[in-house]
């Protein structure tokens, strides 16, 4: 049975939305929500960075978590999917709408007249107020660490599948993939040949405590590495989770440095990336370095 208009209004006034608006009305909560978009690993450092007292910080953090805007994943406070949408799209739209309140009054004044539609389009186009229904859910990522946090989030929240093609060897991402495997998430990974070109980089990774721990945790899995890992030339790094949540990263090919990445929630783009992944997968090979990992798992 559908809710009546009156019941819906009561839900907005007295329900979850009331809590969200109350929490977001506090500037300190907004600061913490913004910082959670990058991932809060050290609360002590964040308290100093935001110039808050510990009491204020933890009180507002608890409110954000109660409102389901921030969550704690593997010891790191991060924006939830709803928190990210509200901060990236809803709040900017509210800000632009507030700044344009006088112009928008003209639309109300003309409501019901022939001019309403034309004036509305002119004003909204000029003000560039975001349209949520038309959004492609695109988010720019301007640094490598933020990208890693987002990739880890995608892996931890995966429900069905993970496809990853990466020119980076990052133990934290590997650990997230292994956690997904333990939840019976299907996965395949293509490692870029360029990421294995540096023997010193590969050696440092192999000797790291985190890498060893990740491999040991993975050693009980019945997955055949030859079926899920391949080496190939990659034009750029990308991953697609559950067929619609994707991250695409671009690097400077001259010095292998990170340039920019985009996080996209769109099924059409997810399908295109999946087809591209399949094409690269067919050209890939099982490298001797991966044979060593198989040997570690069999011992």
Protein backbone atom coordinates (compact mmCIF):
# COMPACT_ATOMS: atom_id res chain seq x y z
CA UNK A 1 0.00 0.00 0.00
CA UNK A 2 1.44 3.36 -1.08
CA UNK A 3 1.92 6.13 1.43
CA UNK A 4 -0.39 9.11 1.15
CA UNK A 5 1.09 12.55 0.46
CA UNK A 6 0.45 13.51 4.09
CA UNK A 7 2.22 10.40 5.40
CA UNK A 8 5.21 11.12 3.15
CA UNK A 9 5.41 14.66 4.46
CA UNK A 10 5.36 13.38 8.05
CA UNK A 11 8.16 10.94 7.14
CA UNK A 12 10.24 13.84 5.82
CA UNK A 13 9.61 15.98 8.89
CA UNK A 14 9.88 13.33 11.60
CA UNK A 15 11.88 10.55 9.95
CA UNK A 16 15.44 9.95 8.85
CA UNK A 17 15.66 13.13 6.78
CA UNK A 18 15.14 15.23 9.89
CA UNK A 19 18.21 13.60 11.44
CA UNK A 20 20.30 14.12 8.30
CA UNK A 21 19.40 17.82 8.00
CA UNK A 22 20.04 18.37 11.70
CA UNK A 23 23.47 16.73 11.50
CA UNK A 24 24.45 18.62 8.35
CA UNK A 25 23.45 21.96 9.86
CA UNK A 26 26.60 21.86 11.99
CA UNK A 27 29.81 23.21 10.33
CA UNK A 28 32.03 20.80 12.28
CA UNK A 29 30.03 17.83 10.98
CA UNK A 30 30.47 19.10 7.42
CA UNK A 31 34.24 19.33 7.94
CA UNK A 32 34.38 15.75 9.18
CA UNK A 33 32.13 14.52 6.34
CA UNK A 34 34.44 16.19 3.82
CA UNK A 35 37.52 14.67 5.43
CA UNK A 36 35.86 11.23 5.47
CA UNK A 37 35.67 11.49 1.67
CA UNK A 38 39.46 11.07 1.68
CA UNK A 39 39.39 8.44 4.43
CA UNK A 40 40.20 9.14 8.10
CA UNK A 41 42.87 6.69 9.24
CA UNK A 42 44.20 8.71 12.18
CA UNK A 43 41.58 10.56 14.24
CA UNK A 44 44.23 12.34 16.33
CA UNK A 45 45.75 13.84 13.20
CA UNK A 46 42.31 14.79 11.84
CA UNK A 47 41.31 16.47 15.11
CA UNK A 48 44.42 18.68 14.84
CA UNK A 49 43.90 19.26 11.12
CA UNK A 50 40.28 20.40 11.58
CA UNK A 51 41.11 22.35 14.77
CA UNK A 52 38.45 20.55 16.84
CA UNK A 53 38.41 19.34 20.40
CA UNK A 54 38.30 15.54 20.79
CA UNK A 55 34.85 15.86 22.42
CA UNK A 56 33.40 17.80 19.47
CA UNK A 57 35.07 15.55 16.92
CA UNK A 58 33.83 12.24 18.33
CA UNK A 59 30.35 13.62 19.06
CA UNK A 60 29.89 14.86 15.48
CA UNK A 61 31.48 11.71 14.06
CA UNK A 62 29.00 9.58 16.00
CA UNK A 63 26.13 11.69 14.63
CA UNK A 64 27.37 11.23 11.07
CA UNK A 65 27.59 7.46 11.56
CA UNK A 66 24.12 7.32 13.14
CA UNK A 67 22.75 9.21 10.11
CA UNK A 68 24.49 6.64 7.83
CA UNK A 69 26.66 9.31 6.22
CA UNK A 70 29.98 7.89 7.48
CA UNK A 71 31.01 4.31 8.19
CA UNK A 72 34.09 2.60 9.59
CA UNK A 73 35.67 0.01 7.29
CA UNK A 74 38.84 -1.81 8.34
CA UNK A 75 39.68 0.89 10.86
CA UNK A 76 39.16 3.80 8.42
CA UNK A 77 36.24 6.25 8.58
CA UNK A 78 34.81 6.84 5.10
CA UNK A 79 31.75 8.39 3.51
CA UNK A 80 28.94 5.95 2.80
CA UNK A 81 27.45 5.90 -0.69
CA UNK A 82 24.68 8.19 0.54
CA UNK A 83 27.18 10.43 2.32
CA UNK A 84 29.20 10.78 -0.88
CA UNK A 85 26.15 11.68 -2.97
CA UNK A 86 24.97 14.23 -0.42
CA UNK A 87 28.39 15.89 -0.14
CA UNK A 88 29.31 15.81 -3.84
CA UNK A 89 25.93 16.69 -5.32
CA UNK A 90 23.18 17.57 -2.87
CA UNK A 91 25.06 20.19 -0.82
CA UNK A 92 26.51 22.00 -3.88
CA UNK A 93 23.01 22.07 -5.40
CA UNK A 94 21.59 23.55 -2.20
CA UNK A 95 24.35 26.15 -2.12
CA UNK A 96 23.76 27.27 -5.70
CA UNK A 97 20.01 27.28 -5.15
CA UNK A 98 20.39 29.48 -2.07
CA UNK A 99 22.64 31.93 -3.93
CA UNK A 100 20.06 32.11 -6.74
CA UNK A 101 16.99 32.41 -4.54
CA UNK A 102 15.96 35.81 -5.94
CA UNK A 103 16.15 34.62 -9.55
CA UNK A 104 14.24 31.45 -8.68
CA UNK A 105 11.42 33.52 -7.20
CA UNK A 106 10.70 34.69 -10.74
CA UNK A 107 9.89 31.12 -11.72
CA UNK A 108 7.34 30.88 -8.92
CA UNK A 109 5.84 34.21 -9.96
CA UNK A 110 5.41 32.96 -13.54
CA UNK A 111 4.06 29.55 -12.51
CA UNK A 112 1.13 28.52 -14.72
CA UNK A 113 1.94 30.99 -17.51
CA UNK A 114 3.32 30.31 -21.00
CA UNK A 115 6.62 31.91 -20.06
CA UNK A 116 7.29 29.62 -17.09
CA UNK A 117 9.03 26.81 -18.98
CA UNK A 118 11.25 29.10 -21.06
CA UNK A 119 12.27 31.26 -18.11
CA UNK A 120 12.88 28.18 -15.94
CA UNK A 121 15.24 26.65 -18.53
CA UNK A 122 17.10 29.93 -19.03
CA UNK A 123 17.61 30.50 -15.31
CA UNK A 124 18.57 26.90 -14.46
CA UNK A 125 21.02 26.70 -17.39
CA UNK A 126 22.62 30.00 -16.41
CA UNK A 127 22.92 29.04 -12.74
CA UNK A 128 24.09 25.48 -13.55
CA UNK A 129 22.12 23.98 -10.68
CA UNK A 130 22.76 20.21 -10.71
CA UNK A 131 19.98 17.92 -11.91
CA UNK A 132 20.17 14.75 -9.83
CA UNK A 133 18.10 12.64 -12.20
CA UNK A 134 20.45 13.40 -15.09
CA UNK A 135 23.66 12.82 -13.17
CA UNK A 136 26.08 10.17 -14.42
CA UNK A 137 27.55 9.78 -10.92
CA UNK A 138 31.04 10.89 -11.96
CA UNK A 139 33.62 11.86 -9.35
CA UNK A 140 37.14 13.15 -10.05
CA UNK A 141 40.01 11.73 -7.95
CA UNK A 142 43.07 13.97 -7.88
CA UNK A 143 45.63 11.85 -6.00
CA UNK A 144 46.79 8.25 -5.82
CA UNK A 145 45.99 7.65 -2.15
CA UNK A 146 42.38 8.75 -2.58
CA UNK A 147 42.06 6.43 -5.55
CA UNK A 148 43.37 3.49 -3.49
CA UNK A 149 40.79 4.25 -0.77
CA UNK A 150 37.99 4.28 -3.36
CA UNK A 151 39.17 1.03 -4.96
CA UNK A 152 39.30 -0.64 -1.54
CA UNK A 153 35.77 0.61 -0.85
CA UNK A 154 34.53 -0.88 -4.12
CA UNK A 155 36.14 -4.24 -3.35
CA UNK A 156 34.80 -4.31 0.21
CA UNK A 157 31.28 -3.44 -1.01
CA UNK A 158 31.30 -5.79 -4.04
CA UNK A 159 28.28 -8.08 -4.20
CA UNK A 160 29.01 -10.22 -7.28
CA UNK A 161 32.17 -9.55 -9.25
CA UNK A 162 35.45 -7.64 -9.51
CA UNK A 163 37.36 -7.04 -12.74
CA UNK A 164 40.67 -5.24 -12.25
CA UNK A 165 43.30 -4.22 -14.79
CA UNK A 166 46.14 -2.40 -13.03
CA UNK A 167 49.53 -0.94 -13.75
CA UNK A 168 50.03 -0.52 -9.99
CA UNK A 169 51.13 -3.14 -7.48
CA UNK A 170 49.48 -2.05 -4.24
CA UNK A 171 49.32 -4.52 -1.34
CA UNK A 172 46.34 -2.73 0.23
CA UNK A 173 44.25 -3.31 -2.88
CA UNK A 174 45.39 -6.94 -3.04
CA UNK A 175 44.24 -7.45 0.54
CA UNK A 176 40.84 -5.96 -0.33
CA UNK A 177 40.51 -8.36 -3.28
CA UNK A 178 41.45 -11.31 -1.05
CA UNK A 179 38.77 -10.24 1.44
CA UNK A 180 36.26 -10.26 -1.41
CA UNK A 181 37.38 -13.76 -2.41
CA UNK A 182 36.65 -14.92 1.12
CA UNK A 183 33.09 -13.64 0.59
CA UNK A 184 32.81 -15.75 -2.59
CA UNK A 185 33.01 -12.73 -4.89
CA UNK A 186 34.20 -13.76 -8.38
CA UNK A 187 37.23 -11.88 -9.65
CA UNK A 188 39.83 -11.64 -12.38
CA UNK A 189 42.92 -9.45 -12.42
CA UNK A 190 45.14 -8.30 -15.26
CA UNK A 191 48.53 -7.02 -14.10
CA UNK A 192 50.20 -4.51 -16.41
CA UNK A 193 53.59 -5.59 -17.74
CA UNK A 194 54.99 -2.21 -16.79
CA UNK A 195 54.30 -2.84 -13.11
CA UNK A 196 56.60 -5.89 -13.21
CA UNK A 197 59.39 -4.18 -15.13
CA UNK A 198 61.08 -2.91 -11.99
CA UNK A 199 62.76 -5.83 -10.24
CA UNK A 200 63.45 -3.65 -7.20
CA UNK A 201 59.78 -2.67 -6.90
CA UNK A 202 58.68 -6.31 -7.15
CA UNK A 203 61.30 -7.36 -4.59
CA UNK A 204 60.19 -4.73 -2.10
CA UNK A 205 56.61 -5.90 -2.45
CA UNK A 206 57.54 -9.59 -2.07
CA UNK A 207 59.53 -8.88 1.10
CA UNK A 208 56.90 -6.70 2.72
CA UNK A 209 55.12 -8.05 5.79
CA UNK A 210 51.75 -6.98 4.43
CA UNK A 211 52.28 -8.87 1.17
CA UNK A 212 53.31 -12.03 3.02
CA UNK A 213 50.27 -11.78 5.29
CA UNK A 214 47.98 -11.27 2.29
CA UNK A 215 49.36 -14.32 0.50
CA UNK A 216 49.06 -16.48 3.62
CA UNK A 217 45.44 -15.41 4.04
CA UNK A 218 44.83 -16.32 0.43
CA UNK A 219 46.65 -19.63 0.63
CA UNK A 220 43.61 -21.56 1.85
CA UNK A 221 41.57 -20.51 -1.19
CA UNK A 222 40.80 -23.15 -3.81
CA UNK A 223 41.07 -20.56 -6.60
CA UNK A 224 43.46 -21.48 -9.40
CA UNK A 225 45.61 -18.41 -10.04
CA UNK A 226 45.94 -19.33 -13.72
CA UNK A 227 42.20 -18.81 -14.07
CA UNK A 228 42.07 -15.40 -12.40
CA UNK A 229 45.44 -13.69 -13.06
CA UNK A 230 47.11 -12.64 -16.29
CA UNK A 231 49.84 -10.27 -17.46
CA UNK A 232 49.23 -7.92 -20.40
CA UNK A 233 50.03 -4.50 -21.81
CA UNK A 234 47.61 -1.97 -20.33
CA UNK A 235 46.94 1.50 -21.76
CA UNK A 236 45.57 2.61 -18.38
CA UNK A 237 44.40 1.24 -15.05
CA UNK A 238 40.74 0.48 -14.45
CA UNK A 239 38.38 -1.70 -12.44
CA UNK A 240 34.71 -2.55 -12.71
CA UNK A 241 32.69 -3.90 -9.78
CA UNK A 242 29.29 -5.55 -10.12
CA UNK A 243 29.09 -4.36 -13.72
CA UNK A 244 28.42 -0.70 -12.99
CA UNK A 245 30.79 0.79 -10.38
CA UNK A 246 34.05 1.67 -12.09
CA UNK A 247 37.29 3.56 -11.56
CA UNK A 248 39.55 4.61 -14.43
CA UNK A 249 43.04 6.00 -13.76
CA UNK A 250 45.55 7.67 -16.05
CA UNK A 251 49.31 7.94 -15.54
CA UNK A 252 52.25 9.80 -17.02
CA UNK A 253 53.86 7.13 -19.21
CA UNK A 254 57.24 8.87 -19.04
CA UNK A 255 57.73 8.45 -15.29
CA UNK A 256 54.80 6.19 -14.26
CA UNK A 257 53.35 8.92 -12.02
CA UNK A 258 49.63 9.23 -11.25
CA UNK A 259 47.76 11.99 -13.11
CA UNK A 260 44.03 11.66 -12.41
CA UNK A 261 41.26 9.10 -11.96
CA UNK A 262 37.50 9.05 -12.27
CA UNK A 263 34.95 7.12 -10.26
CA UNK A 264 31.83 6.35 -12.31
CA UNK A 265 28.58 4.60 -11.40
CA UNK A 266 27.00 3.81 -14.76
CA UNK A 267 26.00 0.44 -16.27
CA UNK A 268 26.67 1.43 -19.89
CA UNK A 269 30.24 2.43 -19.07
CA UNK A 270 30.56 -0.69 -16.90
CA UNK A 271 29.55 -2.88 -19.85
CA UNK A 272 32.07 -1.17 -22.14
CA UNK A 273 34.86 -1.62 -19.63
CA UNK A 274 33.89 -5.28 -19.22
CA UNK A 275 34.15 -5.85 -22.99
CA UNK A 276 37.50 -4.04 -23.05
CA UNK A 277 38.70 -6.16 -20.12
CA UNK A 278 37.70 -9.37 -21.95
CA UNK A 279 39.61 -8.27 -25.05
CA UNK A 280 42.80 -7.59 -23.06
CA UNK A 281 42.34 -10.82 -21.07
CA UNK A 282 42.45 -12.86 -24.30
CA UNK A 283 45.82 -11.31 -25.19
CA UNK A 284 47.30 -11.83 -21.71
CA UNK A 285 49.56 -14.57 -20.39
CA UNK A 286 50.33 -16.29 -17.12
CA UNK A 287 53.72 -14.89 -16.08
CA UNK A 288 56.52 -16.78 -14.33
CA UNK A 289 56.24 -14.34 -11.40
CA UNK A 290 52.71 -15.65 -10.85
CA UNK A 291 53.99 -19.22 -10.86
CA UNK A 292 55.97 -18.27 -7.75
CA UNK A 293 52.74 -17.21 -6.04
CA UNK A 294 51.15 -20.54 -6.94
CA UNK A 295 54.15 -22.30 -5.39
CA UNK A 296 53.73 -20.28 -2.18
CA UNK A 297 50.08 -21.30 -1.98
CA UNK A 298 50.82 -25.00 -2.56
CA UNK A 299 53.39 -25.22 0.27
